Amino acid sequence: MNLTPRRWRTLLLLLMAAGVLFAVRPLTSRYEPETLFLHSDKLAHVLFFGGLWTMARLAGFALSWPLALTLLGYGVFIEVAQALSPTGRSASVRDVAADSIGIALGWWLT
């Protein structure tokens, strides 16, 4: 199926909304994606933000610093939302660093 840029933008926005909901949910067990193995949380950040970059490119966004900074700002927003949520989650500068690595890898690969 060949999706139009408009549909890719819609999917991108839905994925970003799902990312916020996923990030602020309470951790209920030790078998969460964030705790599967050492640094699994960081790997998830790299893959998610690399995927966001790729989807943004498929949605027609230009290969640019503004796109990279927008996605990084989204990552910071997620960390702030975690810190402010009543779920006991906390913000992490290392998570934002992993986000930036994912963005850089996405940029390099596209």
N, C-alpha and C. Protein backbone atom coordinates (compact mmCIF):
# COMPACT_ATOMS: atom_id res chain seq x y z
N MET A 1 0.84 -1.17 0.00
CA MET A 1 0.00 0.00 0.00
C MET A 1 0.89 1.24 0.00
N ASN A 2 0.59 2.15 -0.88
CA ASN A 2 1.36 3.38 -0.99
C ASN A 2 0.60 4.50 -0.29
N LEU A 3 1.14 4.98 0.82
CA LEU A 3 0.48 6.04 1.58
C LEU A 3 0.91 7.40 1.07
N THR A 4 -0.01 8.33 1.08
CA THR A 4 0.29 9.71 0.70
C THR A 4 1.00 10.41 1.85
N PRO A 5 1.72 11.48 1.58
CA PRO A 5 2.34 12.23 2.67
C PRO A 5 1.33 12.67 3.73
N ARG A 6 0.13 13.03 3.30
CA ARG A 6 -0.89 13.45 4.28
C ARG A 6 -1.21 12.31 5.24
N ARG A 7 -1.35 11.10 4.74
CA ARG A 7 -1.62 9.96 5.61
C ARG A 7 -0.43 9.64 6.50
N TRP A 8 0.78 9.80 5.98
CA TRP A 8 1.97 9.61 6.82
C TRP A 8 1.98 10.63 7.96
N ARG A 9 1.58 11.88 7.67
CA ARG A 9 1.52 12.90 8.73
C ARG A 9 0.51 12.52 9.79
N THR A 10 -0.63 11.99 9.36
CA THR A 10 -1.65 11.55 10.32
C THR A 10 -1.10 10.42 11.19
N LEU A 11 -0.46 9.45 10.57
CA LEU A 11 0.14 8.34 11.33
C LEU A 11 1.23 8.84 12.28
N LEU A 12 2.00 9.81 11.82
CA LEU A 12 3.05 10.38 12.67
C LEU A 12 2.46 11.03 13.91
N LEU A 13 1.42 11.82 13.73
CA LEU A 13 0.77 12.47 14.88
C LEU A 13 0.16 11.44 15.83
N LEU A 14 -0.46 10.40 15.29
CA LEU A 14 -1.02 9.34 16.13
C LEU A 14 0.07 8.61 16.90
N LEU A 15 1.18 8.34 16.24
CA LEU A 15 2.29 7.67 16.92
C LEU A 15 2.88 8.55 18.02
N MET A 16 2.97 9.86 17.77
CA MET A 16 3.49 10.76 18.78
C MET A 16 2.54 10.85 19.97
N ALA A 17 1.23 10.87 19.72
CA ALA A 17 0.26 10.87 20.81
C ALA A 17 0.36 9.57 21.61
N ALA A 18 0.48 8.46 20.92
CA ALA A 18 0.63 7.17 21.60
C ALA A 18 1.93 7.14 22.41
N GLY A 19 2.98 7.78 21.90
CA GLY A 19 4.24 7.84 22.63
C GLY A 19 4.11 8.56 23.95
N VAL A 20 3.34 9.64 23.98
CA VAL A 20 3.11 10.37 25.23
C VAL A 20 2.34 9.49 26.21
N LEU A 21 1.27 8.86 25.73
CA LEU A 21 0.48 7.99 26.60
C LEU A 21 1.31 6.83 27.14
N PHE A 22 2.14 6.25 26.30
CA PHE A 22 3.00 5.15 26.72
C PHE A 22 4.01 5.62 27.77
N ALA A 23 4.53 6.83 27.58
CA ALA A 23 5.57 7.34 28.47
C ALA A 23 5.05 7.69 29.86
N VAL A 24 3.81 8.09 29.98
CA VAL A 24 3.29 8.51 31.29
C VAL A 24 2.49 7.42 32.00
N ARG A 25 2.39 6.25 31.39
CA ARG A 25 1.67 5.16 32.06
C ARG A 25 2.47 4.67 33.25
N PRO A 26 1.79 4.15 34.26
CA PRO A 26 2.53 3.61 35.40
C PRO A 26 3.23 2.30 35.03
N LEU A 27 4.38 2.09 35.60
CA LEU A 27 5.07 0.81 35.41
C LEU A 27 4.45 -0.17 36.40
N THR A 28 3.90 -1.24 35.90
CA THR A 28 3.16 -2.16 36.76
C THR A 28 3.90 -3.45 37.08
N SER A 29 4.95 -3.73 36.33
CA SER A 29 5.70 -4.96 36.61
C SER A 29 7.14 -4.80 36.20
N ARG A 30 7.93 -5.77 36.55
CA ARG A 30 9.34 -5.71 36.17
C ARG A 30 9.54 -6.18 34.74
N TYR A 31 8.47 -6.56 34.05
CA TYR A 31 8.56 -7.04 32.68
C TYR A 31 8.09 -5.99 31.67
N GLU A 32 8.24 -4.75 32.01
CA GLU A 32 7.92 -3.66 31.10
C GLU A 32 9.05 -3.54 30.08
N PRO A 33 8.77 -2.94 28.91
CA PRO A 33 9.84 -2.78 27.91
C PRO A 33 11.06 -2.03 28.46
N GLU A 34 10.82 -1.13 29.41
CA GLU A 34 11.91 -0.34 29.97
C GLU A 34 12.83 -1.15 30.88
N THR A 35 12.39 -2.32 31.30
CA THR A 35 13.17 -3.09 32.27
C THR A 35 13.50 -4.51 31.79
N LEU A 36 13.34 -4.78 30.50
CA LEU A 36 13.60 -6.13 30.00
C LEU A 36 15.06 -6.55 30.15
N PHE A 37 15.98 -5.63 29.87
CA PHE A 37 17.41 -5.90 30.01
C PHE A 37 18.11 -4.56 30.20
N LEU A 38 19.35 -4.62 30.60
CA LEU A 38 20.12 -3.41 30.85
C LEU A 38 20.09 -2.50 29.61
N HIS A 39 19.67 -1.29 29.78
CA HIS A 39 19.60 -0.25 28.75
C HIS A 39 18.51 -0.50 27.71
N SER A 40 17.55 -1.40 27.99
CA SER A 40 16.46 -1.61 27.03
C SER A 40 15.65 -0.32 26.84
N ASP A 41 15.55 0.48 27.88
CA ASP A 41 14.83 1.75 27.77
C ASP A 41 15.52 2.67 26.77
N LYS A 42 16.84 2.73 26.83
CA LYS A 42 17.58 3.61 25.92
C LYS A 42 17.46 3.12 24.48
N LEU A 43 17.51 1.80 24.29
CA LEU A 43 17.35 1.23 22.96
C LEU A 43 15.96 1.57 22.42
N ALA A 44 14.95 1.50 23.27
CA ALA A 44 13.59 1.84 22.84
C ALA A 44 13.51 3.31 22.41
N HIS A 45 14.19 4.20 23.13
CA HIS A 45 14.21 5.61 22.75
C HIS A 45 14.88 5.80 21.39
N VAL A 46 16.01 5.16 21.19
CA VAL A 46 16.73 5.27 19.91
C VAL A 46 15.84 4.79 18.76
N LEU A 47 15.23 3.63 18.93
CA LEU A 47 14.40 3.07 17.86
C LEU A 47 13.14 3.91 17.61
N PHE A 48 12.50 4.37 18.68
CA PHE A 48 11.28 5.17 18.53
C PHE A 48 11.58 6.47 17.81
N PHE A 49 12.63 7.17 18.21
CA PHE A 49 12.92 8.46 17.59
C PHE A 49 13.51 8.31 16.20
N GLY A 50 14.23 7.23 15.94
CA GLY A 50 14.65 6.94 14.58
C GLY A 50 13.44 6.68 13.69
N GLY A 51 12.46 5.97 14.24
CA GLY A 51 11.21 5.72 13.52
C GLY A 51 10.42 6.99 13.28
N LEU A 52 10.38 7.87 14.29
CA LEU A 52 9.68 9.15 14.11
C LEU A 52 10.33 9.95 12.98
N TRP A 53 11.66 9.98 12.97
CA TRP A 53 12.38 10.70 11.91
C TRP A 53 11.99 10.13 10.54
N THR A 54 12.02 8.81 10.42
CA THR A 54 11.70 8.17 9.15
C THR A 54 10.27 8.47 8.73
N MET A 55 9.33 8.39 9.67
CA MET A 55 7.94 8.71 9.34
C MET A 55 7.80 10.18 8.92
N ALA A 56 8.51 11.07 9.59
CA ALA A 56 8.45 12.49 9.23
C ALA A 56 8.95 12.70 7.81
N ARG A 57 10.00 11.98 7.44
CA ARG A 57 10.51 12.10 6.07
C ARG A 57 9.50 11.56 5.06
N LEU A 58 8.86 10.43 5.40
CA LEU A 58 7.83 9.87 4.51
C LEU A 58 6.62 10.80 4.42
N ALA A 59 6.40 11.59 5.47
CA ALA A 59 5.30 12.55 5.49
C ALA A 59 5.62 13.82 4.71
N GLY A 60 6.82 13.89 4.16
CA GLY A 60 7.18 15.02 3.32
C GLY A 60 7.96 16.12 4.01
N PHE A 61 8.32 15.93 5.27
CA PHE A 61 9.11 16.94 5.95
C PHE A 61 10.54 16.92 5.43
N ALA A 62 11.11 18.09 5.26
CA ALA A 62 12.46 18.20 4.71
C ALA A 62 13.52 17.72 5.69
N LEU A 63 14.59 17.22 5.14
CA LEU A 63 15.75 16.82 5.92
C LEU A 63 16.38 18.11 6.45
N SER A 64 16.16 18.40 7.75
CA SER A 64 16.58 19.71 8.23
C SER A 64 16.78 19.74 9.74
N TRP A 65 17.51 20.75 10.17
CA TRP A 65 17.70 20.98 11.60
C TRP A 65 16.39 21.32 12.31
N PRO A 66 15.50 22.12 11.71
CA PRO A 66 14.23 22.37 12.40
C PRO A 66 13.45 21.09 12.70
N LEU A 67 13.46 20.14 11.79
CA LEU A 67 12.79 18.86 12.05
C LEU A 67 13.47 18.14 13.21
N ALA A 68 14.79 18.11 13.20
CA ALA A 68 15.52 17.44 14.28
C ALA A 68 15.24 18.10 15.62
N LEU A 69 15.23 19.43 15.66
CA LEU A 69 14.98 20.14 16.91
C LEU A 69 13.53 19.98 17.37
N THR A 70 12.60 19.89 16.43
CA THR A 70 11.19 19.66 16.79
C THR A 70 11.03 18.30 17.44
N LEU A 71 11.63 17.27 16.86
CA LEU A 71 11.55 15.93 17.44
C LEU A 71 12.26 15.89 18.79
N LEU A 72 13.38 16.57 18.91
CA LEU A 72 14.08 16.60 20.19
C LEU A 72 13.23 17.33 21.24
N GLY A 73 12.56 18.41 20.83
CA GLY A 73 11.65 19.11 21.73
C GLY A 73 10.51 18.21 22.19
N TYR A 74 10.02 17.37 21.30
CA TYR A 74 9.00 16.39 21.65
C TYR A 74 9.55 15.43 22.70
N GLY A 75 10.79 15.01 22.54
CA GLY A 75 11.41 14.13 23.54
C GLY A 75 11.52 14.80 24.90
N VAL A 76 11.89 16.07 24.92
CA VAL A 76 11.96 16.81 26.18
C VAL A 76 10.55 16.93 26.78
N PHE A 77 9.56 17.19 25.94
CA PHE A 77 8.18 17.27 26.41
C PHE A 77 7.76 15.97 27.10
N ILE A 78 8.11 14.84 26.50
CA ILE A 78 7.78 13.54 27.10
C ILE A 78 8.42 13.41 28.48
N GLU A 79 9.67 13.81 28.60
CA GLU A 79 10.36 13.69 29.89
C GLU A 79 9.72 14.59 30.94
N VAL A 80 9.35 15.80 30.54
CA VAL A 80 8.66 16.71 31.48
C VAL A 80 7.31 16.12 31.88
N ALA A 81 6.59 15.56 30.91
CA ALA A 81 5.29 14.94 31.20
C ALA A 81 5.46 13.78 32.18
N GLN A 82 6.51 13.00 32.01
CA GLN A 82 6.78 11.92 32.96
C GLN A 82 7.04 12.46 34.35
N ALA A 83 7.83 13.50 34.41
CA ALA A 83 8.18 14.06 35.72
C ALA A 83 6.96 14.65 36.42
N LEU A 84 6.02 15.19 35.66
CA LEU A 84 4.84 15.81 36.24
C LEU A 84 3.68 14.85 36.45
N SER A 85 3.77 13.67 35.89
CA SER A 85 2.66 12.72 36.00
C SER A 85 2.63 12.10 37.40
N PRO A 86 1.45 11.72 37.86
CA PRO A 86 1.33 11.12 39.20
C PRO A 86 1.68 9.63 39.22
N THR A 87 2.33 9.14 38.19
CA THR A 87 2.60 7.70 38.08
C THR A 87 3.92 7.28 38.70
N GLY A 88 4.66 8.24 39.23
CA GLY A 88 5.95 7.90 39.83
C GLY A 88 7.09 7.80 38.84
N ARG A 89 6.85 8.20 37.59
CA ARG A 89 7.90 8.19 36.57
C ARG A 89 8.76 9.42 36.76
N SER A 90 9.96 9.40 36.23
CA SER A 90 10.85 10.54 36.37
C SER A 90 11.45 10.91 35.02
N ALA A 91 11.93 12.13 34.93
CA ALA A 91 12.58 12.62 33.72
C ALA A 91 14.03 12.16 33.70
N SER A 92 14.57 12.02 32.51
CA SER A 92 15.95 11.57 32.38
C SER A 92 16.65 12.28 31.22
N VAL A 93 17.77 12.90 31.53
CA VAL A 93 18.58 13.53 30.49
C VAL A 93 19.14 12.44 29.57
N ARG A 94 19.41 11.26 30.11
CA ARG A 94 19.93 10.16 29.29
C ARG A 94 18.90 9.71 28.26
N ASP A 95 17.62 9.79 28.62
CA ASP A 95 16.58 9.46 27.64
C ASP A 95 16.59 10.46 26.49
N VAL A 96 16.75 11.73 26.79
CA VAL A 96 16.82 12.75 25.75
C VAL A 96 18.07 12.53 24.89
N ALA A 97 19.16 12.12 25.50
CA ALA A 97 20.37 11.81 24.73
C ALA A 97 20.10 10.64 23.79
N ALA A 98 19.39 9.62 24.27
CA ALA A 98 19.05 8.48 23.42
C ALA A 98 18.11 8.92 22.29
N ASP A 99 17.19 9.84 22.59
CA ASP A 99 16.32 10.39 21.55
C ASP A 99 17.16 11.04 20.46
N SER A 100 18.14 11.84 20.87
CA SER A 100 18.96 12.55 19.88
C SER A 100 19.79 11.57 19.05
N ILE A 101 20.22 10.47 19.64
CA ILE A 101 20.94 9.45 18.88
C ILE A 101 20.01 8.83 17.83
N GLY A 102 18.77 8.54 18.23
CA GLY A 102 17.79 8.01 17.28
C GLY A 102 17.53 8.96 16.13
N ILE A 103 17.40 10.24 16.45
CA ILE A 103 17.18 11.26 15.41
C ILE A 103 18.39 11.31 14.47
N ALA A 104 19.59 11.31 15.04
CA ALA A 104 20.81 11.36 14.22
C ALA A 104 20.92 10.12 13.33
N LEU A 105 20.61 8.96 13.87
CA LEU A 105 20.65 7.74 13.06
C LEU A 105 19.61 7.79 11.94
N GLY A 106 18.42 8.27 12.27
CA GLY A 106 17.38 8.41 11.25
C GLY A 106 17.83 9.36 10.14
N TRP A 107 18.43 10.47 10.53
CA TRP A 107 18.92 11.44 9.55
C TRP A 107 19.98 10.80 8.66
N TRP A 108 20.90 10.09 9.29
CA TRP A 108 22.00 9.45 8.56
C TRP A 108 21.50 8.39 7.59
N LEU A 109 20.46 7.66 7.99
CA LEU A 109 19.97 6.56 7.16
C LEU A 109 19.00 6.98 6.07
N THR A 110 18.46 8.21 6.17
CA THR A 110 17.50 8.63 5.12
C THR A 110 18.09 9.64 4.17
